[in-house]
Protein backbone atom coordinates (compact mmCIF):
# COMPACT_ATOMS: atom_id res chain seq x y z
CA MET A 1 10.46 -20.78 -60.42
CA GLU A 2 8.59 -18.32 -62.47
CA ALA A 3 5.39 -19.67 -64.34
CA GLU A 4 5.88 -17.42 -67.30
CA ILE A 5 8.69 -17.56 -69.78
CA GLU A 6 8.73 -14.69 -72.34
CA LEU A 7 9.86 -14.92 -75.81
CA ASP A 8 9.89 -11.84 -77.94
CA VAL A 9 10.55 -13.13 -81.74
CA SER A 10 9.04 -9.95 -83.03
CA MET A 11 11.93 -8.69 -84.90
CA LEU A 12 13.29 -12.06 -86.21
CA GLU A 13 12.79 -12.90 -89.82
CA PRO A 14 11.18 -16.61 -90.78
CA PRO A 15 11.93 -19.07 -90.36
CA GLU A 16 13.76 -17.96 -86.92
CA PRO A 17 10.68 -17.34 -84.87
CA LEU A 18 9.31 -20.87 -85.44
CA GLN A 19 12.85 -22.27 -84.38
CA ARG A 20 13.42 -20.30 -81.42
CA ILE A 21 9.59 -21.20 -80.44
CA LEU A 22 10.31 -24.76 -81.20
CA ASN A 23 13.38 -24.83 -79.16
CA THR A 24 12.13 -23.08 -76.03
CA ILE A 25 8.80 -25.07 -75.69
CA HIS A 26 10.93 -28.01 -74.61
CA THR A 27 12.55 -26.28 -71.84
CA ILE A 28 8.83 -25.73 -70.17
CA ASN A 29 8.78 -27.35 -66.89
CA PRO A 30 5.32 -28.51 -65.40
CA GLY A 31 3.43 -25.45 -64.17
CA GLN A 32 5.14 -23.03 -66.52
CA TYR A 33 3.87 -21.53 -70.07
CA LEU A 34 5.73 -19.82 -72.92
CA LYS A 35 4.25 -16.25 -73.95
CA VAL A 36 5.62 -15.35 -77.21
CA LEU A 37 5.42 -11.89 -78.58
CA HIS A 38 5.09 -11.72 -82.34
CA HIS A 39 4.30 -9.01 -84.99
CA ARG A 40 2.31 -11.74 -86.76
CA GLU A 41 0.11 -14.75 -85.88
CA PRO A 42 2.37 -17.82 -86.40
CA PHE A 43 -0.16 -20.04 -88.35
CA PRO A 44 2.35 -22.91 -89.43
CA LEU A 45 3.17 -23.14 -85.57
CA TYR A 46 -0.16 -24.39 -84.51
CA PRO A 47 -0.24 -27.96 -85.90
CA ILE A 48 3.45 -28.43 -84.66
CA LEU A 49 2.54 -27.65 -81.05
CA GLU A 50 -0.21 -30.05 -81.14
CA ARG A 51 1.90 -32.62 -82.62
CA GLU A 52 4.60 -32.10 -80.08
CA GLY A 53 1.91 -32.37 -77.28
CA PHE A 54 1.38 -28.51 -76.53
CA THR A 55 -1.92 -26.27 -76.48
CA HIS A 56 -2.10 -22.73 -76.98
CA ASN A 57 -3.98 -19.59 -76.98
CA THR A 58 -3.62 -16.67 -79.14
CA ARG A 59 -4.61 -13.01 -78.52
CA GLN A 60 -4.14 -9.61 -79.70
CA GLY A 61 -1.42 -8.22 -77.59
CA GLN A 62 -0.99 -5.29 -75.78
CA VAL A 63 2.92 -4.70 -76.52
CA MET A 64 3.06 -6.56 -79.78
CA PRO A 65 0.38 -7.35 -82.20
CA PHE A 66 0.01 -11.03 -81.12
CA GLU A 67 0.60 -12.73 -77.83
CA ILE A 68 0.73 -16.51 -78.29
CA PHE A 69 0.45 -18.69 -74.70
CA ILE A 70 1.66 -22.13 -75.09
CA TRP A 71 1.67 -24.84 -72.37
CA ARG A 72 1.81 -28.62 -72.27
CA MET A 73 -1.43 -30.50 -72.79
CA ASN A 74 -2.73 -31.66 -69.57
CA ASP A 75 -0.95 -29.37 -67.51
CA SER A 76 -3.75 -27.96 -65.56
CA ALA A 77 -1.55 -25.59 -63.38
CA ALA A 78 0.10 -24.09 -66.29
CA GLN A 79 -3.06 -23.46 -68.30
CA GLU A 80 -4.79 -21.78 -65.04
CA LYS A 81 -1.70 -19.63 -64.89
CA ALA A 82 -1.71 -18.44 -68.48
CA ALA A 83 -5.62 -17.90 -68.35
CA GLN A 84 -4.85 -15.78 -65.15
CA ALA A 85 -2.13 -13.82 -67.13
CA MET A 86 -4.45 -13.46 -70.31
CA GLY A 87 -7.22 -12.23 -68.12
CA LEU A 88 -9.76 -15.18 -68.64
């Protein structure tokens, strides 16, 4: 099982990126994280993630303007793998 699930929503119009992200986060298994490629920072997403039990880290992307890394709260394995992918 791959630790990273990548979702490119950069070509989608609102609200489809938000809908796709919310549908995908519930498929994340322990030890996995979601890497979202987006053309803008999805501010409305962040409070929803917290309510749903997820945490995130957003950075300027290498391929797209924004990369959003999302994992379940208290999943230290996923957090560590996401941090490695981010170069932290």
